[in-house]
Amino acid sequence: MRARIKKYFSITKKEWNGMIVLIILIALILAAPYVYQSFGKDSIINSNDFDKAVAVLDKAKKSQRNDFPEGADPQSSNPATVYKKAASGTIIELNTADSAQLTGLHGIGSSYAMRIIRYRDRLGGFYRKEQLREVFGLDSTTYAGLQAQVTVDASHIKKIPINSITFEGLSRFPYFSYKQMNAIIQFREQHGDYESISDMKNIAILNAGILSKIGPYLLFK
């Protein structure tokens, strides 16, 4: 009986060595957090130094913004460009102004000037200066600051020959939706040429609002 018990609990030298290695590994794992805590303490950030660095950066940004004249575009490929602003009381005609004249307006930089020209080209010209508010990115504050500096001569508008224009030609005009353009072409093909804007009132998809907007641009021949 004793021999069986002794044999059951006996281990070989190889097993003993393996157990020793396992015990050592377990001890190292358990001790690792304490060793790391002793030798690897986190550095504490000096908040005063950080605040000073932020202040210097903010000052540099403000200085850079102040280097741009009113209306200049900091995102331009040529940020050093200085736009000569129009003298007080100068009035710019929107339908004939070039980009240089538009950047002379207070509050208008090169980006806005190009957007105004592109939108003017799509319209065929402005018939009232309030249409500037339709230019992408030009908000009510910017418009309020420049409305007294501009005027509009509607005689420069390039009108749409509504009785001959194609769908593709009509698609360049910003006031129409796809369905409205299609309805205009289809109605003309079915009923003949339009004699006046009153004929277009028969197109159900065109309401009074859109008709009032497009009226100044239509040429009936």
C-alpha atoms as a PDB file:
ATOM      1  CA  MET A   1       0.000   0.000   0.000  1.00  0.00           C
ATOM      2  CA  ARG A   2       2.747   2.443   0.975  1.00  0.00           C
ATOM      3  CA  ALA A   3       4.653   1.549  -2.149  1.00  0.00           C
ATOM      4  CA  ARG A   4       1.620   2.352  -4.313  1.00  0.00           C
ATOM      5  CA  ILE A   5       1.140   5.742  -2.614  1.00  0.00           C
ATOM      6  CA  LYS A   6       4.817   6.601  -2.976  1.00  0.00           C
ATOM      7  CA  LYS A   7       4.752   5.621  -6.610  1.00  0.00           C
ATOM      8  CA  TYR A   8       1.593   7.728  -7.201  1.00  0.00           C
ATOM      9  CA  PHE A   9       3.088  10.924  -5.751  1.00  0.00           C
ATOM     10  CA  SER A  10       6.631  10.499  -7.070  1.00  0.00           C
ATOM     11  CA  ILE A  11       7.838  12.767  -9.926  1.00  0.00           C
ATOM     12  CA  THR A  12      10.715  12.495 -12.313  1.00  0.00           C
ATOM     13  CA  LYS A  13      13.643  14.892 -12.413  1.00  0.00           C
ATOM     14  CA  LYS A  14      12.387  16.271 -15.721  1.00  0.00           C
ATOM     15  CA  GLU A  15       8.979  16.982 -14.230  1.00  0.00           C
ATOM     16  CA  TRP A  16      10.592  18.632 -11.200  1.00  0.00           C
ATOM     17  CA  ASN A  17      12.678  20.953 -13.376  1.00  0.00           C
ATOM     18  CA  GLY A  18       9.586  21.885 -15.392  1.00  0.00           C
ATOM     19  CA  MET A  19       7.681  22.745 -12.251  1.00  0.00           C
ATOM     20  CA  ILE A  20      10.523  24.976 -11.019  1.00  0.00           C
ATOM     21  CA  VAL A  21      10.545  26.877 -14.328  1.00  0.00           C
ATOM     22  CA  LEU A  22       6.760  27.299 -14.144  1.00  0.00           C
ATOM     23  CA  ILE A  23       6.975  28.668 -10.588  1.00  0.00           C
ATOM     24  CA  ILE A  24       9.654  31.164 -11.658  1.00  0.00           C
ATOM     25  CA  LEU A  25       7.546  32.330 -14.616  1.00  0.00           C
ATOM     26  CA  ILE A  26       4.499  32.806 -12.395  1.00  0.00           C
ATOM     27  CA  ALA A  27       6.591  34.812  -9.930  1.00  0.00           C
ATOM     28  CA  LEU A  28       7.935  37.061 -12.718  1.00  0.00           C
ATOM     29  CA  ILE A  29       4.452  37.704 -14.071  1.00  0.00           C
ATOM     30  CA  LEU A  30       3.133  38.637 -10.633  1.00  0.00           C
ATOM     31  CA  ALA A  31       6.109  40.918  -9.961  1.00  0.00           C
ATOM     32  CA  ALA A  32       6.033  42.677 -13.348  1.00  0.00           C
ATOM     33  CA  PRO A  33       3.444  45.400 -12.454  1.00  0.00           C
ATOM     34  CA  TYR A  34       5.422  46.432  -9.378  1.00  0.00           C
ATOM     35  CA  VAL A  35       8.699  46.576 -11.300  1.00  0.00           C
ATOM     36  CA  TYR A  36       7.063  48.688 -14.058  1.00  0.00           C
ATOM     37  CA  GLN A  37       5.542  51.011 -11.499  1.00  0.00           C
ATOM     38  CA  SER A  38       8.947  51.561  -9.908  1.00  0.00           C
ATOM     39  CA  PHE A  39      10.933  52.240 -13.077  1.00  0.00           C
ATOM     40  CA  GLY A  40       8.336  53.404 -15.617  1.00  0.00           C
ATOM     41  CA  LYS A  41       6.449  56.245 -13.965  1.00  0.00           C
ATOM     42  CA  ASP A  42       4.495  58.404 -16.419  1.00  0.00           C
ATOM     43  CA  SER A  43       5.826  61.856 -17.114  1.00  0.00           C
ATOM     44  CA  ILE A  44       3.608  64.643 -15.863  1.00  0.00           C
ATOM     45  CA  ILE A  45       2.774  67.311 -18.446  1.00  0.00           C
ATOM     46  CA  ASN A  46       3.500  70.809 -17.303  1.00  0.00           C
ATOM     47  CA  SER A  47       0.186  72.577 -17.964  1.00  0.00           C
ATOM     48  CA  ASN A  48       1.801  76.018 -17.775  1.00  0.00           C
ATOM     49  CA  ASP A  49       4.215  75.206 -20.585  1.00  0.00           C
ATOM     50  CA  PHE A  50       1.357  73.777 -22.651  1.00  0.00           C
ATOM     51  CA  ASP A  51      -0.763  76.911 -22.166  1.00  0.00           C
ATOM     52  CA  LYS A  52       2.171  79.092 -23.217  1.00  0.00           C
ATOM     53  CA  ALA A  53       2.638  77.066 -26.411  1.00  0.00           C
ATOM     54  CA  VAL A  54      -1.057  77.388 -27.280  1.00  0.00           C
ATOM     55  CA  ALA A  55      -0.947  81.139 -26.695  1.00  0.00           C
ATOM     56  CA  VAL A  56       2.049  81.530 -29.019  1.00  0.00           C
ATOM     57  CA  LEU A  57       0.261  79.518 -31.731  1.00  0.00           C
ATOM     58  CA  ASP A  58      -2.929  81.610 -31.424  1.00  0.00           C
ATOM     59  CA  LYS A  59      -0.888  84.800 -31.664  1.00  0.00           C
ATOM     60  CA  ALA A  60       0.831  83.560 -34.814  1.00  0.00           C
ATOM     61  CA  LYS A  61      -2.535  82.710 -36.429  1.00  0.00           C
ATOM     62  CA  LYS A  62      -3.982  86.134 -35.592  1.00  0.00           C
ATOM     63  CA  SER A  63      -0.909  87.826 -37.000  1.00  0.00           C
ATOM     64  CA  GLN A  64      -1.239  85.826 -40.219  1.00  0.00           C
ATOM     65  CA  ARG A  65      -4.918  86.787 -40.598  1.00  0.00           C
ATOM     66  CA  ASN A  66      -4.093  90.448 -40.074  1.00  0.00           C
ATOM     67  CA  ASP A  67      -1.618  90.287 -42.940  1.00  0.00           C
ATOM     68  CA  PHE A  68      -4.504  89.853 -45.410  1.00  0.00           C
ATOM     69  CA  PRO A  69      -6.384  92.926 -46.601  1.00  0.00           C
ATOM     70  CA  GLU A  70     -10.162  93.023 -46.353  1.00  0.00           C
ATOM     71  CA  GLY A  71     -11.638  90.699 -48.957  1.00  0.00           C
ATOM     72  CA  ALA A  72      -8.384  88.834 -49.587  1.00  0.00           C
ATOM     73  CA  ASP A  73      -8.580  85.067 -49.789  1.00  0.00           C
ATOM     74  CA  PRO A  74      -6.090  83.291 -47.424  1.00  0.00           C
ATOM     75  CA  GLN A  75      -6.750  80.011 -49.275  1.00  0.00           C
ATOM     76  CA  SER A  76      -5.650  81.480 -52.592  1.00  0.00           C
ATOM     77  CA  SER A  77      -2.636  79.949 -54.350  1.00  0.00           C
ATOM     78  CA  ASN A  78      -1.085  83.424 -54.067  1.00  0.00           C
ATOM     79  CA  PRO A  79      -1.834  84.491 -50.472  1.00  0.00           C
ATOM     80  CA  ALA A  80       0.508  87.484 -50.699  1.00  0.00           C
ATOM     81  CA  THR A  81      -1.734  89.156 -53.299  1.00  0.00           C
ATOM     82  CA  VAL A  82      -3.175  92.453 -52.156  1.00  0.00           C
ATOM     83  CA  TYR A  83      -6.509  93.512 -53.654  1.00  0.00           C
ATOM     84  CA  LYS A  84      -6.923  97.202 -54.280  1.00  0.00           C
ATOM     85  CA  LYS A  85     -10.250  98.213 -52.837  1.00  0.00           C
ATOM     86  CA  ALA A  86     -12.533 100.670 -54.604  1.00  0.00           C
ATOM     87  CA  ALA A  87     -12.695 104.172 -53.236  1.00  0.00           C
ATOM     88  CA  SER A  88     -15.603 105.009 -50.966  1.00  0.00           C
ATOM     89  CA  GLY A  89     -18.727 105.792 -52.981  1.00  0.00           C
ATOM     90  CA  THR A  90     -17.629 103.792 -56.034  1.00  0.00           C
ATOM     91  CA  ILE A  91     -20.476 101.803 -57.618  1.00  0.00           C
ATOM     92  CA  ILE A  92     -19.783  98.611 -59.613  1.00  0.00           C
ATOM     93  CA  GLU A  93     -22.174  97.418 -62.346  1.00  0.00           C
ATOM     94  CA  LEU A  94     -22.554  93.683 -61.821  1.00  0.00           C
ATOM     95  CA  ASN A  95     -23.210  92.589 -65.406  1.00  0.00           C
ATOM     96  CA  THR A  96     -20.084  94.184 -66.876  1.00  0.00           C
ATOM     97  CA  ALA A  97     -17.636  93.999 -63.959  1.00  0.00           C
ATOM     98  CA  ASP A  98     -14.546  91.823 -64.344  1.00  0.00           C
ATOM     99  CA  SER A  99     -12.860  89.910 -61.522  1.00  0.00           C
ATOM    100  CA  ALA A 100     -10.522  92.816 -60.690  1.00  0.00           C
ATOM    101  CA  GLN A 101     -13.464  95.189 -60.247  1.00  0.00           C
ATOM    102  CA  LEU A 102     -15.380  92.677 -58.153  1.00  0.00           C
ATOM    103  CA  THR A 103     -12.440  92.122 -55.806  1.00  0.00           C
ATOM    104  CA  GLY A 104     -12.444  95.886 -55.346  1.00  0.00           C
ATOM    105  CA  LEU A 105     -15.690  95.501 -53.444  1.00  0.00           C
ATOM    106  CA  HIS A 106     -15.271  95.403 -49.681  1.00  0.00           C
ATOM    107  CA  GLY A 107     -15.868  91.879 -48.420  1.00  0.00           C
ATOM    108  CA  ILE A 108     -15.179  90.238 -51.804  1.00  0.00           C
ATOM    109  CA  GLY A 109     -11.997  88.254 -52.467  1.00  0.00           C
ATOM    110  CA  SER A 110     -10.889  86.285 -55.513  1.00  0.00           C
ATOM    111  CA  SER A 111     -12.999  83.212 -54.676  1.00  0.00           C
ATOM    112  CA  TYR A 112     -16.231  85.188 -54.339  1.00  0.00           C
ATOM    113  CA  ALA A 113     -15.424  87.192 -57.472  1.00  0.00           C
ATOM    114  CA  MET A 114     -15.045  84.032 -59.557  1.00  0.00           C
ATOM    115  CA  ARG A 115     -18.244  82.540 -58.107  1.00  0.00           C
ATOM    116  CA  ILE A 116     -20.181  85.702 -58.979  1.00  0.00           C
ATOM    117  CA  ILE A 117     -18.870  85.642 -62.555  1.00  0.00           C
ATOM    118  CA  ARG A 118     -19.609  81.936 -63.029  1.00  0.00           C
ATOM    119  CA  TYR A 119     -23.149  82.338 -61.686  1.00  0.00           C
ATOM    120  CA  ARG A 120     -23.685  85.448 -63.821  1.00  0.00           C
ATOM    121  CA  ASP A 121     -22.639  83.477 -66.900  1.00  0.00           C
ATOM    122  CA  ARG A 122     -25.106  80.694 -66.102  1.00  0.00           C
ATOM    123  CA  LEU A 123     -27.932  83.171 -65.604  1.00  0.00           C
ATOM    124  CA  GLY A 124     -27.071  85.308 -68.577  1.00  0.00           C
ATOM    125  CA  GLY A 125     -26.734  88.284 -66.248  1.00  0.00           C
ATOM    126  CA  PHE A 126     -28.410  89.768 -63.189  1.00  0.00           C
ATOM    127  CA  TYR A 127     -31.650  91.737 -63.391  1.00  0.00           C
ATOM    128  CA  ARG A 128     -31.576  92.750 -59.731  1.00  0.00           C
ATOM    129  CA  LYS A 129     -28.705  92.873 -57.271  1.00  0.00           C
ATOM    130  CA  GLU A 130     -30.556  90.740 -54.709  1.00  0.00           C
ATOM    131  CA  GLN A 131     -29.669  87.760 -56.919  1.00  0.00           C
ATOM    132  CA  LEU A 132     -26.174  87.932 -55.458  1.00  0.00           C
ATOM    133  CA  ARG A 133     -27.589  86.090 -52.458  1.00  0.00           C
ATOM    134  CA  GLU A 134     -28.016  83.065 -54.738  1.00  0.00           C
ATOM    135  CA  VAL A 135     -24.244  82.857 -55.235  1.00  0.00           C
ATOM    136  CA  PHE A 136     -22.866  79.881 -53.309  1.00  0.00           C
ATOM    137  CA  GLY A 137     -21.358  80.898 -49.963  1.00  0.00           C
ATOM    138  CA  LEU A 138     -22.376  84.543 -50.151  1.00  0.00           C
ATOM    139  CA  ASP A 139     -24.409  84.964 -46.974  1.00  0.00           C
ATOM    140  CA  SER A 140     -26.760  87.731 -45.887  1.00  0.00           C
ATOM    141  CA  THR A 141     -24.045  89.488 -43.864  1.00  0.00           C
ATOM    142  CA  THR A 142     -21.685  89.720 -46.829  1.00  0.00           C
ATOM    143  CA  TYR A 143     -24.516  90.861 -49.090  1.00  0.00           C
ATOM    144  CA  ALA A 144     -25.600  93.534 -46.614  1.00  0.00           C
ATOM    145  CA  GLY A 145     -22.074  94.923 -46.647  1.00  0.00           C
ATOM    146  CA  LEU A 146     -21.806  95.230 -50.429  1.00  0.00           C
ATOM    147  CA  GLN A 147     -25.317  95.950 -51.719  1.00  0.00           C
ATOM    148  CA  ALA A 148     -24.716  99.707 -51.579  1.00  0.00           C
ATOM    149  CA  GLN A 149     -21.575  99.259 -53.698  1.00  0.00           C
ATOM    150  CA  VAL A 150     -23.264  97.603 -56.678  1.00  0.00           C
ATOM    151  CA  THR A 151     -25.878  98.313 -59.298  1.00  0.00           C
ATOM    152  CA  VAL A 152     -27.474  96.298 -62.111  1.00  0.00           C
ATOM    153  CA  ASP A 153     -28.114  97.228 -65.736  1.00  0.00           C
ATOM    154  CA  ALA A 154     -30.598  94.595 -66.950  1.00  0.00           C
ATOM    155  CA  SER A 155     -30.047  95.608 -70.587  1.00  0.00           C
ATOM    156  CA  HIS A 156     -26.900  93.455 -70.518  1.00  0.00           C
ATOM    157  CA  ILE A 157     -28.871  90.251 -69.875  1.00  0.00           C
ATOM    158  CA  LYS A 158     -28.452  87.518 -72.488  1.00  0.00           C
ATOM    159  CA  LYS A 159     -31.957  86.197 -72.991  1.00  0.00           C
ATOM    160  CA  ILE A 160     -33.086  82.637 -73.635  1.00  0.00           C
ATOM    161  CA  PRO A 161     -34.693  82.018 -77.060  1.00  0.00           C
ATOM    162  CA  ILE A 162     -37.402  79.890 -75.502  1.00  0.00           C
ATOM    163  CA  ASN A 163     -38.878  78.770 -78.852  1.00  0.00           C
ATOM    164  CA  SER A 164     -35.628  77.383 -80.255  1.00  0.00           C
ATOM    165  CA  ILE A 165     -33.442  76.474 -77.318  1.00  0.00           C
ATOM    166  CA  THR A 166     -32.638  72.774 -76.832  1.00  0.00           C
ATOM    167  CA  PHE A 167     -32.916  70.798 -73.623  1.00  0.00           C
ATOM    168  CA  GLU A 168     -29.111  70.903 -73.275  1.00  0.00           C
ATOM    169  CA  GLY A 169     -29.066  74.658 -73.686  1.00  0.00           C
ATOM    170  CA  LEU A 170     -31.844  75.100 -71.168  1.00  0.00           C
ATOM    171  CA  SER A 171     -30.032  72.898 -68.644  1.00  0.00           C
ATOM    172  CA  ARG A 172     -27.349  75.567 -68.156  1.00  0.00           C
ATOM    173  CA  PHE A 173     -29.927  77.913 -66.657  1.00  0.00           C
ATOM    174  CA  PRO A 174     -29.929  77.535 -62.849  1.00  0.00           C
ATOM    175  CA  TYR A 175     -33.599  78.179 -62.131  1.00  0.00           C
ATOM    176  CA  PHE A 176     -35.107  75.101 -63.792  1.00  0.00           C
ATOM    177  CA  SER A 177     -35.337  71.556 -62.478  1.00  0.00           C
ATOM    178  CA  TYR A 178     -35.038  68.580 -64.825  1.00  0.00           C
ATOM    179  CA  LYS A 179     -38.805  68.031 -64.813  1.00  0.00           C
ATOM    180  CA  GLN A 180     -39.514  71.693 -65.530  1.00  0.00           C
ATOM    181  CA  MET A 181     -37.118  71.771 -68.489  1.00  0.00           C
ATOM    182  CA  ASN A 182     -38.632  68.612 -69.920  1.00  0.00           C
ATOM    183  CA  ALA A 183     -42.163  70.008 -69.507  1.00  0.00           C
ATOM    184  CA  ILE A 184     -41.219  73.246 -71.312  1.00  0.00           C
ATOM    185  CA  ILE A 185     -39.761  71.372 -74.306  1.00  0.00           C
ATOM    186  CA  GLN A 186     -42.637  68.873 -74.463  1.00  0.00           C
ATOM    187  CA  PHE A 187     -45.332  71.561 -74.246  1.00  0.00           C
ATOM    188  CA  ARG A 188     -43.646  73.532 -77.052  1.00  0.00           C
ATOM    189  CA  GLU A 189     -43.491  70.457 -79.281  1.00  0.00           C
ATOM    190  CA  GLN A 190     -47.151  69.657 -78.661  1.00  0.00           C
ATOM    191  CA  HIS A 191     -48.671  73.160 -78.837  1.00  0.00           C
ATOM    192  CA  GLY A 192     -46.242  75.181 -80.931  1.00  0.00           C
ATOM    193  CA  ASP A 193     -44.172  78.252 -80.104  1.00  0.00           C
ATOM    194  CA  TYR A 194     -44.769  80.334 -77.006  1.00  0.00           C
ATOM    195  CA  GLU A 195     -46.059  83.816 -77.759  1.00  0.00           C
ATOM    196  CA  SER A 196     -45.620  85.179 -74.250  1.00  0.00           C
ATOM    197  CA  ILE A 197     -44.991  84.044 -70.714  1.00  0.00           C
ATOM    198  CA  SER A 198     -48.751  83.731 -70.301  1.00  0.00           C
ATOM    199  CA  ASP A 199     -48.620  80.618 -72.481  1.00  0.00           C
ATOM    200  CA  MET A 200     -46.251  79.035 -69.993  1.00  0.00           C
ATOM    201  CA  LYS A 201     -48.820  79.386 -67.233  1.00  0.00           C
ATOM    202  CA  ASN A 202     -50.541  76.389 -68.831  1.00  0.00           C
ATOM    203  CA  ILE A 203     -47.635  74.183 -67.765  1.00  0.00           C
ATOM    204  CA  ALA A 204     -48.790  72.831 -64.420  1.00  0.00           C
ATOM    205  CA  ILE A 205     -45.292  72.280 -63.092  1.00  0.00           C
ATOM    206  CA  LEU A 206     -44.416  75.985 -63.454  1.00  0.00           C
ATOM    207  CA  ASN A 207     -45.856  78.034 -60.590  1.00  0.00           C
ATOM    208  CA  ALA A 208     -46.077  81.801 -60.265  1.00  0.00           C
ATOM    209  CA  GLY A 209     -42.828  81.952 -58.292  1.00  0.00           C
ATOM    210  CA  ILE A 210     -40.675  80.350 -60.977  1.00  0.00           C
ATOM    211  CA  LEU A 211     -42.409  82.292 -63.754  1.00  0.00           C
ATOM    212  CA  SER A 212     -41.620  85.616 -62.063  1.00  0.00           C
ATOM    213  CA  LYS A 213     -37.969  84.592 -61.742  1.00  0.00           C
ATOM    214  CA  ILE A 214     -37.527  83.483 -65.340  1.00  0.00           C
ATOM    215  CA  GLY A 215     -39.629  86.207 -66.989  1.00  0.00           C
ATOM    216  CA  PRO A 216     -36.764  88.707 -67.481  1.00  0.00           C
ATOM    217  CA  TYR A 217     -34.676  86.022 -69.230  1.00  0.00           C
ATOM    218  CA  LEU A 218     -37.146  84.821 -71.856  1.00  0.00           C
ATOM    219  CA  LEU A 219     -37.101  85.878 -75.503  1.00  0.00           C
ATOM    220  CA  PHE A 220     -40.250  85.114 -77.509  1.00  0.00           C
ATOM    221  CA  LYS A 221     -39.701  85.073 -81.306  1.00  0.00           C
END
